[in-house]
Protein backbone atom coordinates (compact mmCIF):
# COMPACT_ATOMS: atom_id res chain seq x y z
CA PRO A 1 4.36 9.44 -18.74
CA VAL A 2 7.96 10.61 -18.58
CA PRO A 3 10.22 7.74 -17.44
CA CYS A 4 12.51 8.51 -14.51
CA GLU A 5 15.86 7.36 -13.47
CA ALA A 6 -2.73 -14.82 5.58
CA ARG A 7 -1.82 -11.96 8.13
CA ARG A 8 1.61 -10.89 8.71
CA GLY A 9 3.14 -11.81 12.05
CA LEU A 10 4.79 -8.56 13.11
CA SER A 11 6.89 -7.88 16.14
CA VAL A 12 5.46 -4.54 17.18
CA SER A 13 8.51 -3.98 19.30
CA GLY A 14 10.45 -3.66 16.04
CA ARG A 15 13.32 -5.74 17.43
CA GLY A 16 15.09 -7.73 14.78
CA THR A 17 14.61 -7.51 11.05
CA MET A 18 12.13 -9.84 9.41
CA ASN A 19 12.92 -11.39 6.05
CA VAL A 20 9.57 -12.49 4.67
CA PHE A 21 9.78 -11.13 1.13
CA ASN A 22 12.26 -11.52 -1.71
CA ARG A 23 12.72 -7.84 -2.59
CA GLU A 24 14.66 -8.61 -5.77
CA MET A 25 11.78 -10.75 -7.00
CA LYS A 26 9.32 -7.97 -6.21
CA LYS A 27 11.44 -5.58 -8.28
CA ARG A 28 11.39 -8.05 -11.20
CA GLN A 29 7.63 -8.50 -10.87
CA LYS A 30 7.03 -4.74 -10.96
CA ASN A 31 9.40 -4.25 -13.90
CA TRP A 32 7.62 -7.03 -15.80
CA ALA A 33 4.19 -5.52 -15.09
CA ALA A 34 5.40 -2.07 -16.19
CA SER A 35 6.57 -3.50 -19.51
CA LEU A 36 3.08 -4.74 -20.47
CA GLN A 37 1.62 -2.81 -23.41
CA ASP A 38 -1.84 -3.01 -21.84
CA GLY A 39 -0.54 -2.45 -18.32
CA HIS A 40 -2.85 0.50 -17.68
CA GLN A 41 -5.83 -1.88 -17.43
CA TYR A 42 -4.38 -3.22 -14.17
CA ASP A 43 -4.07 0.20 -12.50
CA TYR A 44 -7.66 0.34 -11.25
CA LEU A 45 -6.92 -0.52 -7.62
CA ARG A 46 -4.02 1.95 -7.30
CA ASP A 47 -6.08 4.62 -9.07
CA GLU A 48 -8.97 3.99 -6.68
CA VAL A 49 -6.82 4.19 -3.56
CA GLY A 50 -4.76 7.15 -4.83
CA ALA A 51 -7.95 9.18 -5.23
CA HIS A 52 -9.78 7.79 -2.21
CA ARG A 53 -10.86 9.40 1.04
CA HIS A 54 -7.94 9.55 3.36
CA CYS A 55 -7.24 12.62 5.40
CA ASP A 56 -8.26 16.13 6.30
CA VAL A 57 -5.44 18.71 6.20
CA THR A 58 -5.37 22.42 5.19
CA LYS A 59 -1.92 23.68 4.26
CA THR A 60 0.69 23.88 1.53
CA PHE A 61 3.71 21.58 1.66
CA PRO A 62 6.97 23.02 0.29
CA LEU A 63 8.61 19.61 -0.13
CA ALA A 64 6.91 16.19 -0.31
CA LEU A 65 8.03 12.59 -0.79
CA ASP A 66 6.01 9.76 -2.36
CA ILE A 67 7.40 6.34 -1.38
CA GLY A 68 6.73 3.51 -3.82
CA ALA A 69 5.23 6.07 -6.20
CA GLY A 70 5.07 3.86 -9.28
CA LYS A 71 3.09 5.60 -12.02
CA SER A 72 2.32 8.66 -9.84
CA HIS A 73 -1.10 7.46 -8.71
CA ILE A 74 -1.07 10.05 -5.90
CA ALA A 75 0.83 12.81 -7.68
CA GLU A 76 -1.73 13.01 -10.48
CA HIS A 77 -4.26 14.22 -7.90
CA LEU A 78 -2.00 16.97 -6.53
CA ASN A 79 -1.27 20.48 -7.77
CA LYS A 80 1.25 23.23 -7.09
CA ASP A 81 -1.05 24.89 -4.54
CA VAL A 82 -0.77 21.77 -2.39
CA VAL A 83 2.81 20.59 -2.97
CA GLU A 84 5.50 22.92 -4.27
CA ARG A 85 8.17 20.28 -4.95
CA LEU A 86 7.85 16.50 -5.05
CA PHE A 87 10.25 13.55 -4.85
CA LEU A 88 9.08 10.18 -6.20
CA THR A 89 10.81 6.93 -5.23
CA ASP A 90 10.31 3.34 -6.31
CA VAL A 91 12.37 0.15 -6.40
CA SER A 92 11.32 -0.43 -10.03
CA GLU A 93 12.97 1.80 -12.62
CA LYS A 94 10.43 0.78 -15.30
CA THR A 95 7.46 1.64 -13.10
CA LEU A 96 8.68 5.01 -11.87
CA SER A 97 7.26 7.92 -13.89
CA ARG A 98 6.10 11.48 -13.33
CA GLN A 99 2.56 12.60 -14.18
CA SER A 100 2.14 15.90 -12.39
CA GLU A 101 2.33 19.65 -12.92
CA ILE A 102 4.45 19.84 -9.77
CA PRO A 103 8.25 20.13 -10.17
CA THR A 104 9.20 16.50 -9.64
CA HIS A 105 12.41 14.57 -8.97
CA CYS A 106 12.52 10.79 -9.44
CA VAL A 107 14.82 8.65 -7.31
CA LEU A 108 15.35 4.92 -7.76
CA ALA A 109 15.33 3.68 -4.17
CA ASP A 110 14.15 0.75 -2.09
CA GLU A 111 11.39 1.63 0.38
CA GLU A 112 13.42 -0.15 3.05
CA PHE A 113 16.41 2.19 2.62
CA LEU A 114 15.43 5.85 2.13
CA PRO A 115 18.39 7.90 0.82
CA PHE A 116 17.38 11.20 2.41
CA LYS A 117 18.64 13.29 5.30
CA GLU A 118 16.85 13.74 8.58
CA ASN A 119 14.23 16.53 8.80
CA THR A 120 13.94 16.97 5.01
CA PHE A 121 10.26 16.68 4.04
CA ASP A 122 7.09 18.46 5.12
CA LEU A 123 4.92 15.62 3.84
CA VAL A 124 5.49 11.92 3.10
CA VAL A 125 2.86 9.84 1.30
CA SER A 126 2.76 6.18 0.29
CA SER A 127 0.06 4.17 -1.44
CA LEU A 128 0.03 0.38 -1.73
CA SER A 129 3.73 -0.35 -1.43
CA LEU A 130 4.45 -0.74 2.29
CA HIS A 131 2.90 -4.24 2.46
CA TRP A 132 5.94 -5.62 0.59
CA ILE A 133 8.47 -4.30 3.12
CA ASN A 134 10.28 -6.81 5.31
CA ASP A 135 11.04 -4.46 8.19
CA LEU A 136 7.89 -2.35 8.44
CA PRO A 137 8.74 -0.95 11.91
CA GLY A 138 12.14 0.13 10.56
CA ALA A 139 10.60 1.67 7.44
CA LEU A 140 8.16 3.69 9.53
CA ARG A 141 11.05 4.91 11.69
CA GLN A 142 12.87 6.03 8.55
CA ILE A 143 9.78 7.90 7.33
CA HIS A 144 9.53 9.60 10.71
CA GLN A 145 13.22 10.50 10.52
CA VAL A 146 13.07 12.19 7.09
CA LEU A 147 10.03 14.26 8.11
CA LYS A 148 10.48 17.72 9.56
CA PRO A 149 8.95 18.38 12.99
CA ASP A 150 5.21 18.98 12.48
CA GLY A 151 5.47 17.05 9.20
CA VAL A 152 2.81 14.50 8.36
CA PHE A 153 2.88 10.96 6.97
CA ILE A 154 -0.19 9.85 5.04
CA GLY A 155 -0.28 6.26 3.84
CA ALA A 156 -2.42 3.46 2.50
CA MET A 157 -1.47 -0.19 2.52
CA VAL A 158 -3.07 -3.57 1.99
CA GLY A 159 -4.37 -5.13 5.20
CA GLY A 160 -4.56 -8.60 6.70
CA GLU A 161 -7.96 -9.69 5.35
CA THR A 162 -7.04 -8.95 1.73
CA LEU A 163 -7.85 -11.71 -0.80
CA TYR A 164 -9.27 -13.99 1.88
CA GLU A 165 -11.49 -15.62 -0.76
CA LEU A 166 -8.50 -16.57 -2.90
CA ARG A 167 -6.43 -17.69 0.08
CA CYS A 168 -9.14 -19.96 1.49
CA SER A 169 -10.00 -21.48 -1.90
CA LEU A 170 -6.37 -22.37 -2.64
CA GLN A 171 -5.78 -23.78 0.83
CA LEU A 172 -8.89 -25.98 0.72
CA ALA A 173 -8.09 -27.21 -2.79
CA GLU A 174 -4.49 -28.10 -1.92
CA THR A 175 -5.53 -29.83 1.28
CA GLU A 176 -8.11 -31.86 -0.62
CA ARG A 177 -5.90 -32.79 -3.59
CA GLU A 178 -2.42 -32.87 -2.10
CA GLY A 179 -2.91 -33.47 1.61
CA GLY A 180 -1.57 -30.10 2.72
CA PHE A 181 -1.10 -26.52 1.59
CA SER A 182 1.58 -23.90 1.13
CA PRO A 183 1.12 -20.11 1.02
CA HIS A 184 0.14 -18.59 -2.33
CA VAL A 185 -1.05 -15.22 -1.03
CA SER A 186 1.45 -12.97 0.70
CA PRO A 187 1.06 -12.27 4.42
CA TYR A 188 -0.24 -8.79 5.26
CA THR A 189 -0.25 -6.52 8.29
CA ALA A 190 -3.24 -6.65 10.64
CA VAL A 191 -4.95 -3.35 11.42
CA THR A 192 -4.58 -4.12 15.13
CA ASP A 193 -0.79 -3.88 14.74
CA LEU A 194 -0.69 -0.69 12.71
CA GLY A 195 -1.42 1.90 15.40
CA ASN A 196 1.22 0.35 17.68
CA LEU A 197 3.79 0.34 14.88
CA LEU A 198 3.15 4.00 14.05
CA GLY A 199 3.32 5.00 17.71
CA GLN A 200 6.54 3.10 18.32
CA ALA A 201 8.07 4.73 15.23
CA GLY A 202 7.56 8.10 16.96
CA PHE A 203 4.38 9.36 15.28
CA SER A 204 1.72 11.19 17.25
CA MET A 205 -1.93 12.15 16.65
CA LEU A 206 -2.63 8.93 14.78
CA THR A 207 -5.62 8.16 12.60
CA VAL A 208 -6.11 4.63 11.24
CA ASP A 209 -9.11 3.70 9.09
CA ILE A 210 -10.15 0.64 7.08
CA ASP A 211 -11.94 0.40 3.77
CA ASP A 212 -12.82 -2.74 1.81
CA VAL A 213 -12.60 -2.54 -1.97
CA GLN A 214 -14.37 -5.46 -3.65
CA VAL A 215 -13.66 -6.26 -7.31
CA HIS A 216 -15.64 -8.83 -9.32
CA TYR A 217 -13.99 -11.21 -11.78
CA PRO A 218 -15.19 -13.98 -14.12
CA GLY A 219 -13.19 -16.53 -12.11
CA ILE A 220 -10.07 -17.38 -10.13
CA THR A 221 -7.82 -17.32 -13.21
CA GLU A 222 -8.70 -13.70 -13.90
CA VAL A 223 -8.04 -12.77 -10.25
CA MET A 224 -4.54 -14.21 -10.44
CA THR A 225 -3.87 -12.73 -13.90
CA ASP A 226 -4.77 -9.26 -12.67
CA LEU A 227 -2.60 -9.61 -9.56
CA GLN A 228 0.30 -10.49 -11.85
CA GLY A 229 -0.49 -7.50 -14.09
CA MET A 230 -0.48 -5.23 -11.03
CA GLY A 231 2.95 -6.53 -10.00
CA GLU A 232 1.23 -7.90 -6.89
CA SER A 233 2.08 -11.59 -7.17
CA ASN A 234 3.37 -13.32 -4.06
CA CYS A 235 7.09 -12.77 -3.47
CA ALA A 236 7.39 -14.43 -0.06
CA TRP A 237 10.46 -16.63 0.28
CA ASN A 238 8.30 -19.61 1.30
CA ARG A 239 5.91 -19.30 -1.65
CA ARG A 240 5.24 -22.24 -3.93
CA SER A 241 5.84 -21.22 -7.54
CA LEU A 242 3.55 -23.66 -9.35
CA LEU A 243 0.09 -25.13 -8.80
CA HIS A 244 -0.94 -28.55 -10.11
CA ARG A 245 -3.64 -28.29 -12.77
CA ASP A 246 -6.15 -30.41 -10.86
CA THR A 247 -5.55 -28.33 -7.73
CA MET A 248 -6.20 -25.15 -9.69
CA LEU A 249 -9.42 -26.57 -11.12
CA ALA A 250 -10.54 -27.58 -7.63
CA ALA A 251 -9.70 -24.10 -6.28
CA ALA A 252 -11.74 -22.49 -9.06
CA ALA A 253 -14.75 -24.66 -8.21
CA ILE A 254 -14.40 -24.00 -4.47
CA TYR A 255 -14.07 -20.24 -5.08
CA LYS A 256 -17.35 -20.16 -7.06
CA GLU A 257 -19.14 -22.48 -4.65
CA MET A 258 -18.18 -20.57 -1.49
CA TYR A 259 -18.08 -16.97 -2.71
CA GLY A 260 -19.61 -16.84 -6.19
CA ASN A 261 -22.27 -14.33 -7.21
CA GLU A 262 -25.55 -15.20 -8.91
CA ASP A 263 -24.22 -13.94 -12.25
CA GLY A 264 -21.32 -16.42 -12.10
CA SER A 265 -18.64 -13.89 -11.16
CA VAL A 266 -16.48 -14.12 -8.05
CA PRO A 267 -15.46 -11.32 -5.66
CA ALA A 268 -11.95 -10.45 -4.52
CA THR A 269 -11.73 -8.24 -1.46
CA PHE A 270 -8.88 -5.82 -0.87
CA GLU A 271 -8.73 -4.49 2.70
CA ILE A 272 -7.09 -1.06 2.58
CA LEU A 273 -5.58 0.41 5.75
CA TYR A 274 -5.38 4.22 5.72
CA MET A 275 -3.10 5.95 8.20
CA ILE A 276 -2.08 9.45 9.24
CA GLY A 277 0.72 10.23 11.68
CA TRP A 278 2.44 13.49 12.62
CA LYS A 279 6.03 14.05 13.67
CA PRO A 280 5.74 15.69 17.08
CA HIS A 281 6.05 19.46 17.48
CA GLU A 282 5.27 21.62 20.51
CA SER A 283 2.53 23.50 18.66
CA GLN A 284 0.42 20.40 17.99
CA ALA A 285 -3.00 19.83 19.52
CA LYS A 286 -4.85 16.56 20.05
CA PRO A 287 -5.71 14.13 17.22
CA ALA A 288 -9.03 13.91 15.45
CA LYS A 289 -11.37 11.09 16.41
CA ARG A 290 -10.62 7.72 14.79
CA GLY A 291 -12.80 7.12 11.76
CA SER A 292 -13.27 10.83 11.00
CA ALA A 293 -11.12 10.88 7.85
CA THR A 294 -13.26 12.06 4.94
CA ALA A 295 -10.98 13.55 2.29
CA SER A 296 -8.62 12.09 -0.31
CA PHE A 297 -4.99 12.22 -1.39
CA GLY A 298 -6.22 14.87 -3.84
CA ASP A 299 -7.59 16.93 -0.95
CA LEU A 300 -4.21 17.41 0.71
CA SER A 301 -4.63 21.18 0.42
CA GLN A 302 -7.35 20.82 3.06
CA ILE A 303 -4.89 19.47 5.61
CA GLY A 304 -3.90 21.86 8.36
CA GLN A 305 -2.70 21.58 11.91
CA PRO A 306 -4.98 18.92 13.46
CA THR A 307 -7.09 20.17 16.31
CA SER A 308 -9.16 18.50 18.98
CA THR A 309 -12.35 19.93 17.47
CA LYS A 310 -13.46 19.17 13.92
CA LYS A 311 -15.63 21.57 11.96
CA THR A 312 -18.64 20.09 10.25
């Protein structure tokens, strides 16, 4: 790589800016994860989502933007026939790198403050970074703003039921051992909010789909180690930084008792929310039926003007 410079309670009206996450801490977490010599072993979830089914579009995009691009998990599945020029942004300078044959420009930028002019991009993509944004309605409005009319936003983010096994195990253990609990897993956006947020940001012809990715680990310690290696540790302001040893042991036992597999491993579920939204243009037809998305980030060349009838 070439280096380059619980559910979330959302106000779907977008009024007022939330301040749930410590963005500076998230930057430090991502920089730390990027500095690991064996960091590639923690890329499996982003690789999976970056190559996963997502959309169905048939056109070439002269200029595209990848928000929260990290190690180019989407860009590595694209080629010059799909995207002619690409901008990558990330809040972490150590994470940001280009891995694509496409002419690429890297920009160090916070997802909450996009440094681009209105009506700039034909395509905006984002994979597994929007769930750390404080003002998600505002971020979606900014994405809509930088898109050209008839431009498309294609995103994937972690949803509200993610890591429910870990969350429940920690809460039960803390309640049992300490008489109460504090959040250890970051709050995420519920799928029921997402369509409203996209619509209120100005997007039309929306498609929202859900996919559960389940990963199996030897135990709770390995789950938390991998989250740290992904740069996905909790960065909520109200997080509790340390767990008592006996609470951690109790959580490990509860995790295996409630969710464990016969082979002794434990599952961790990642709920992935996939979304497509178009910036309105007079030439647009009606959206495809919800749940009809069948292609991947790598199949962006198959994306064309959505129509009310899908070919089979």
